[in-house]
């Protein structure tokens, strides 16, 4: 079996050669861990299931590449073109994707915990069920993106563009959403805004129309979502203006 250096050499020889090799070696899991592929043209490459942990793909073109189930944990993908790429079920925990083009990319159920998407373009990206806990989504473009059932607990979305996004069942508990634009996003379909940082007008709208979303949290076993009835009653009070008093009670 070829070692990782040989796998990298085949990939660097061109996408046509690489894809032909994949077709002829369908049982082999490509080992591209730590590969230096800055600026590489990998458009349309078959990288499904490949190990790309800690690989440097900064500035590479992965437009329409198949990265389904690939392991990209810790990979550097800054300024990378991933437009229309298939990343369903891929592992991108801790990956750097700042400034990358992920328009129309398929990231369904992808592992994106603590990934850095600063200023990335995820316009109309497909992210249902994605794990985005603790991710950096500051100033990211998520217009018309599908974030249904996505887990965004503790994520930072300051100044994010969420216009027209599908937020059905999305979880924003503990997320920072200051300055985020929800125009046409249907925040009434969000699962939870528990302890989330929100602009005063958005917080007021949620409190007035859907106060239960401010009191929905995971149960003690972290298994099911429940409404904290005591918290809900406090949220409904006219004098309740945010989370400061809840944090005080929690100390």
Protein backbone atom coordinates (compact mmCIF):
# COMPACT_ATOMS: atom_id res chain seq x y z
CA UNK A 1 0.00 0.00 0.00
CA UNK A 2 1.25 3.48 -0.83
CA UNK A 3 2.31 5.67 2.10
CA UNK A 4 1.02 9.19 2.68
CA UNK A 5 3.86 10.78 0.67
CA UNK A 6 2.87 8.76 -2.38
CA UNK A 7 -0.78 9.75 -1.93
CA UNK A 8 0.22 13.41 -1.80
CA UNK A 9 2.41 13.01 -4.89
CA UNK A 10 -0.47 11.48 -6.83
CA UNK A 11 -2.76 14.34 -5.84
CA UNK A 12 -0.15 16.91 -6.83
CA UNK A 13 0.20 15.24 -10.25
CA UNK A 14 -3.24 16.55 -11.18
CA UNK A 15 -6.92 16.01 -10.48
CA UNK A 16 -7.41 13.79 -13.53
CA UNK A 17 -4.67 11.38 -12.40
CA UNK A 18 -5.92 11.52 -8.83
CA UNK A 19 -9.53 10.76 -9.67
CA UNK A 20 -8.45 7.89 -11.94
CA UNK A 21 -6.34 6.47 -9.11
CA UNK A 22 -9.33 6.75 -6.74
CA UNK A 23 -11.50 4.83 -9.19
CA UNK A 24 -8.91 2.07 -9.37
CA UNK A 25 -8.33 1.97 -5.59
CA UNK A 26 -11.80 2.33 -4.15
CA UNK A 27 -10.93 0.47 -0.93
CA UNK A 28 -7.98 2.75 -0.08
CA UNK A 29 -8.48 5.64 2.34
CA UNK A 30 -6.24 8.47 1.12
CA UNK A 31 -3.75 9.64 3.75
CA UNK A 32 -3.09 13.32 3.11
CA UNK A 33 -2.48 14.33 6.71
CA UNK A 34 -0.40 17.50 6.96
CA UNK A 35 -0.16 17.86 3.17
CA UNK A 36 1.13 21.22 1.92
CA UNK A 37 -1.35 22.14 -0.79
CA UNK A 38 -1.44 25.94 -0.65
CA UNK A 39 -2.93 27.39 -3.81
CA UNK A 40 -3.40 23.97 -5.39
CA UNK A 41 -5.98 23.49 -8.13
CA UNK A 42 -8.13 20.67 -6.78
CA UNK A 43 -11.32 21.60 -8.57
CA UNK A 44 -13.57 18.55 -8.83
CA UNK A 45 -11.17 16.30 -6.93
CA UNK A 46 -12.57 13.15 -5.33
CA UNK A 47 -11.43 13.54 -1.72
CA UNK A 48 -14.34 11.69 -0.13
CA UNK A 49 -13.31 10.06 3.13
CA UNK A 50 -9.73 11.32 2.82
CA UNK A 51 -7.61 12.14 5.86
CA UNK A 52 -6.64 15.80 5.48
CA UNK A 53 -6.00 16.52 9.14
CA UNK A 54 -3.76 19.57 9.63
CA UNK A 55 -3.35 19.93 5.86
CA UNK A 56 -2.57 23.40 4.50
CA UNK A 57 -5.06 24.18 1.75
CA UNK A 58 -4.90 27.96 2.04
CA UNK A 59 -5.88 29.61 -1.21
CA UNK A 60 -6.56 26.28 -2.91
CA UNK A 61 -9.41 25.79 -5.38
CA UNK A 62 -11.72 23.03 -4.20
CA UNK A 63 -14.70 24.19 -6.21
CA UNK A 64 -17.14 21.28 -6.67
CA UNK A 65 -14.69 18.88 -4.98
CA UNK A 66 -16.12 15.85 -3.18
CA UNK A 67 -15.05 16.01 0.47
CA UNK A 68 -17.93 13.94 1.81
CA UNK A 69 -16.88 12.38 5.12
CA UNK A 70 -13.34 13.74 4.83
CA UNK A 71 -11.36 14.46 8.00
CA UNK A 72 -10.21 18.09 7.84
CA UNK A 73 -9.75 18.62 11.57
CA UNK A 74 -7.27 21.41 12.16
CA UNK A 75 -6.81 22.02 8.42
CA UNK A 76 -5.98 25.49 7.09
CA UNK A 77 -8.52 26.50 4.45
CA UNK A 78 -8.28 30.28 4.62
CA UNK A 79 -9.24 32.09 1.40
CA UNK A 80 -10.01 28.70 -0.14
CA UNK A 81 -12.56 28.36 -2.94
CA UNK A 82 -15.04 25.70 -1.81
CA UNK A 83 -17.97 26.94 -3.86
CA UNK A 84 -20.34 24.05 -4.48
CA UNK A 85 -18.06 21.57 -2.69
CA UNK A 86 -19.55 18.46 -1.06
CA UNK A 87 -18.60 18.42 2.63
CA UNK A 88 -21.50 16.45 4.09
CA UNK A 89 -20.47 14.65 7.31
CA UNK A 90 -16.92 16.02 6.95
CA UNK A 91 -14.92 16.69 10.11
CA UNK A 92 -13.71 20.29 10.16
CA UNK A 93 -13.30 20.72 13.92
CA UNK A 94 -10.91 23.57 14.58
CA UNK A 95 -10.31 24.16 10.87
CA UNK A 96 -9.45 27.65 9.61
CA UNK A 97 -11.84 28.75 6.84
CA UNK A 98 -11.52 32.52 7.26
CA UNK A 99 -12.40 34.39 4.09
CA UNK A 100 -13.20 31.19 2.18
CA UNK A 101 -15.83 30.89 -0.54
CA UNK A 102 -18.33 28.26 0.57
CA UNK A 103 -21.25 29.42 -1.53
CA UNK A 104 -23.67 26.57 -2.26
CA UNK A 105 -21.39 24.14 -0.40
CA UNK A 106 -22.98 21.01 1.10
CA UNK A 107 -22.04 20.86 4.80
CA UNK A 108 -24.95 18.75 6.00
CA UNK A 109 -24.22 17.22 9.43
CA UNK A 110 -20.59 18.34 9.15
CA UNK A 111 -18.48 18.56 12.31
CA UNK A 112 -17.51 22.25 12.48
CA UNK A 113 -16.96 22.71 16.18
CA UNK A 114 -14.70 25.73 16.88
CA UNK A 115 -13.98 26.21 13.17
CA UNK A 116 -12.92 29.72 12.13
CA UNK A 117 -15.20 31.16 9.42
CA UNK A 118 -14.30 34.84 9.91
CA UNK A 119 -15.71 36.81 6.94
CA UNK A 120 -16.32 33.58 5.00
CA UNK A 121 -18.99 33.44 2.29
CA UNK A 122 -21.59 30.76 3.05
CA UNK A 123 -24.32 32.25 0.90
CA UNK A 124 -26.97 29.56 0.27
CA UNK A 125 -24.75 26.93 1.88
CA UNK A 126 -26.44 23.68 2.98
CA UNK A 127 -25.81 23.19 6.72
CA UNK A 128 -28.72 21.17 8.17
CA UNK A 129 -27.74 19.40 11.36
CA UNK A 130 -24.21 20.84 11.27
CA UNK A 131 -22.25 21.02 14.53
CA UNK A 132 -21.10 24.64 14.78
CA UNK A 133 -20.62 24.80 18.53
CA UNK A 134 -18.14 27.51 19.47
CA UNK A 135 -17.47 28.37 15.82
CA UNK A 136 -16.23 31.82 14.80
CA UNK A 137 -18.83 33.16 12.38
CA UNK A 138 -18.07 36.85 12.81
CA UNK A 139 -19.17 38.90 9.77
CA UNK A 140 -19.89 35.69 7.87
CA UNK A 141 -22.35 35.70 4.96
CA UNK A 142 -25.11 33.15 5.57
CA UNK A 143 -27.79 34.69 3.38
CA UNK A 144 -30.36 32.05 2.37
CA UNK A 145 -28.25 29.34 4.01
CA UNK A 146 -29.98 26.25 5.39
CA UNK A 147 -29.17 26.08 9.12
CA UNK A 148 -32.11 23.88 10.06
CA UNK A 149 -31.39 21.83 13.19
CA UNK A 150 -27.83 23.22 13.27
CA UNK A 151 -26.14 23.36 16.68
CA UNK A 152 -24.68 26.84 17.18
CA UNK A 153 -24.32 26.76 20.95
CA UNK A 154 -21.64 29.20 22.05
CA UNK A 155 -20.88 30.27 18.47
CA UNK A 156 -19.88 33.88 17.76
CA UNK A 157 -22.00 35.46 15.01
CA UNK A 158 -21.32 39.14 15.60
CA UNK A 159 -22.35 41.09 12.51
CA UNK A 160 -23.33 37.90 10.66
CA UNK A 161 -25.64 38.14 7.66
CA UNK A 162 -28.52 35.72 8.15
CA UNK A 163 -31.02 37.34 5.82
CA UNK A 164 -33.46 34.78 4.46
CA UNK A 165 -31.69 31.88 6.17
CA UNK A 166 -33.59 28.75 7.19
CA UNK A 167 -33.28 28.67 10.99
CA UNK A 168 -35.90 26.01 11.67
CA UNK A 169 -34.85 24.11 14.79
CA UNK A 170 -31.47 25.89 14.99
CA UNK A 171 -29.96 26.20 18.45
CA UNK A 172 -28.40 29.56 19.37
CA UNK A 173 -28.09 28.97 23.12
CA UNK A 174 -25.14 30.93 24.57
CA UNK A 175 -24.31 32.31 21.11
CA UNK A 176 -23.17 35.89 20.51
CA UNK A 177 -25.53 37.38 17.91
CA UNK A 178 -24.83 41.07 18.47
CA UNK A 179 -25.26 43.02 15.25
CA UNK A 180 -26.50 39.97 13.33
CA UNK A 181 -29.05 40.63 10.56
CA UNK A 182 -32.08 38.31 10.78
CA UNK A 183 -34.18 40.02 8.11
CA UNK A 184 -36.54 37.43 6.65
CA UNK A 185 -34.85 34.60 8.53
CA UNK A 186 -37.89 33.51 10.55
CA UNK A 187 -36.47 33.66 14.07
CA UNK A 188 -39.82 32.29 15.26
CA UNK A 189 -38.59 28.87 14.09
CA UNK A 190 -35.39 28.87 16.18
CA UNK A 191 -35.24 26.21 18.89
CA UNK A 192 -33.44 28.22 21.56
CA UNK A 193 -31.96 31.64 22.29
CA UNK A 194 -31.16 30.73 25.90
CA UNK A 195 -28.48 33.07 27.31
CA UNK A 196 -27.71 34.34 23.79
CA UNK A 197 -26.33 37.86 23.33
CA UNK A 198 -28.85 39.71 21.18
CA UNK A 199 -29.42 43.29 20.10
CA UNK A 200 -32.10 44.95 22.31
CA UNK A 201 -34.69 45.16 19.51
CA UNK A 202 -34.31 41.47 18.62
CA UNK A 203 -34.41 40.46 22.29
CA UNK A 204 -37.56 42.53 22.79
CA UNK A 205 -39.22 40.95 19.74
CA UNK A 206 -38.47 37.44 20.96
CA UNK A 207 -39.58 38.23 24.52
CA UNK A 208 -42.86 39.67 23.27
CA UNK A 209 -43.74 36.99 20.73
CA UNK A 210 -41.83 33.80 21.61
CA UNK A 211 -40.60 34.06 25.24
CA UNK A 212 -40.29 30.27 25.48
CA UNK A 213 -37.29 30.43 23.11
CA UNK A 214 -35.42 32.36 25.81
CA UNK A 215 -36.15 29.65 28.37
CA UNK A 216 -35.52 26.52 26.30
CA UNK A 217 -32.42 24.60 27.37
CA UNK A 218 -30.98 21.12 27.50
CA UNK A 219 -32.01 19.06 30.48
CA UNK A 220 -29.52 17.98 33.13
CA UNK A 221 -28.61 14.89 31.15
CA UNK A 222 -27.95 16.92 27.99
CA UNK A 223 -30.36 14.62 26.18
CA UNK A 224 -33.58 16.53 25.62
CA UNK A 225 -34.71 20.13 25.22
CA UNK A 226 -37.06 21.44 27.91
CA UNK A 227 -38.62 24.76 28.82
CA UNK A 228 -37.51 26.05 32.21
CA UNK A 229 -40.92 27.15 33.48
CA UNK A 230 -39.52 29.24 36.34
CA UNK A 231 -37.22 31.08 33.95
CA UNK A 232 -40.05 31.51 31.46
CA UNK A 233 -42.17 33.27 34.09
CA UNK A 234 -39.29 35.64 34.88
CA UNK A 235 -38.72 36.34 31.19
CA UNK A 236 -42.38 37.30 30.80
CA UNK A 237 -42.14 39.96 33.49
CA UNK A 238 -42.16 43.55 32.15
CA UNK A 239 -39.01 44.43 34.08
CA UNK A 240 -36.96 41.54 32.61
CA UNK A 241 -34.45 43.07 30.19
CA UNK A 242 -31.88 40.38 29.56
CA UNK A 243 -29.59 37.88 31.14
CA UNK A 244 -27.77 39.97 33.74
CA UNK A 245 -30.12 39.01 36.57
CA UNK A 246 -30.06 35.34 35.53
CA UNK A 247 -26.27 35.36 35.64
CA UNK A 248 -26.42 36.91 39.09
CA UNK A 249 -28.80 34.23 40.32
CA UNK A 250 -26.51 31.57 38.89
CA UNK A 251 -23.50 32.74 40.91
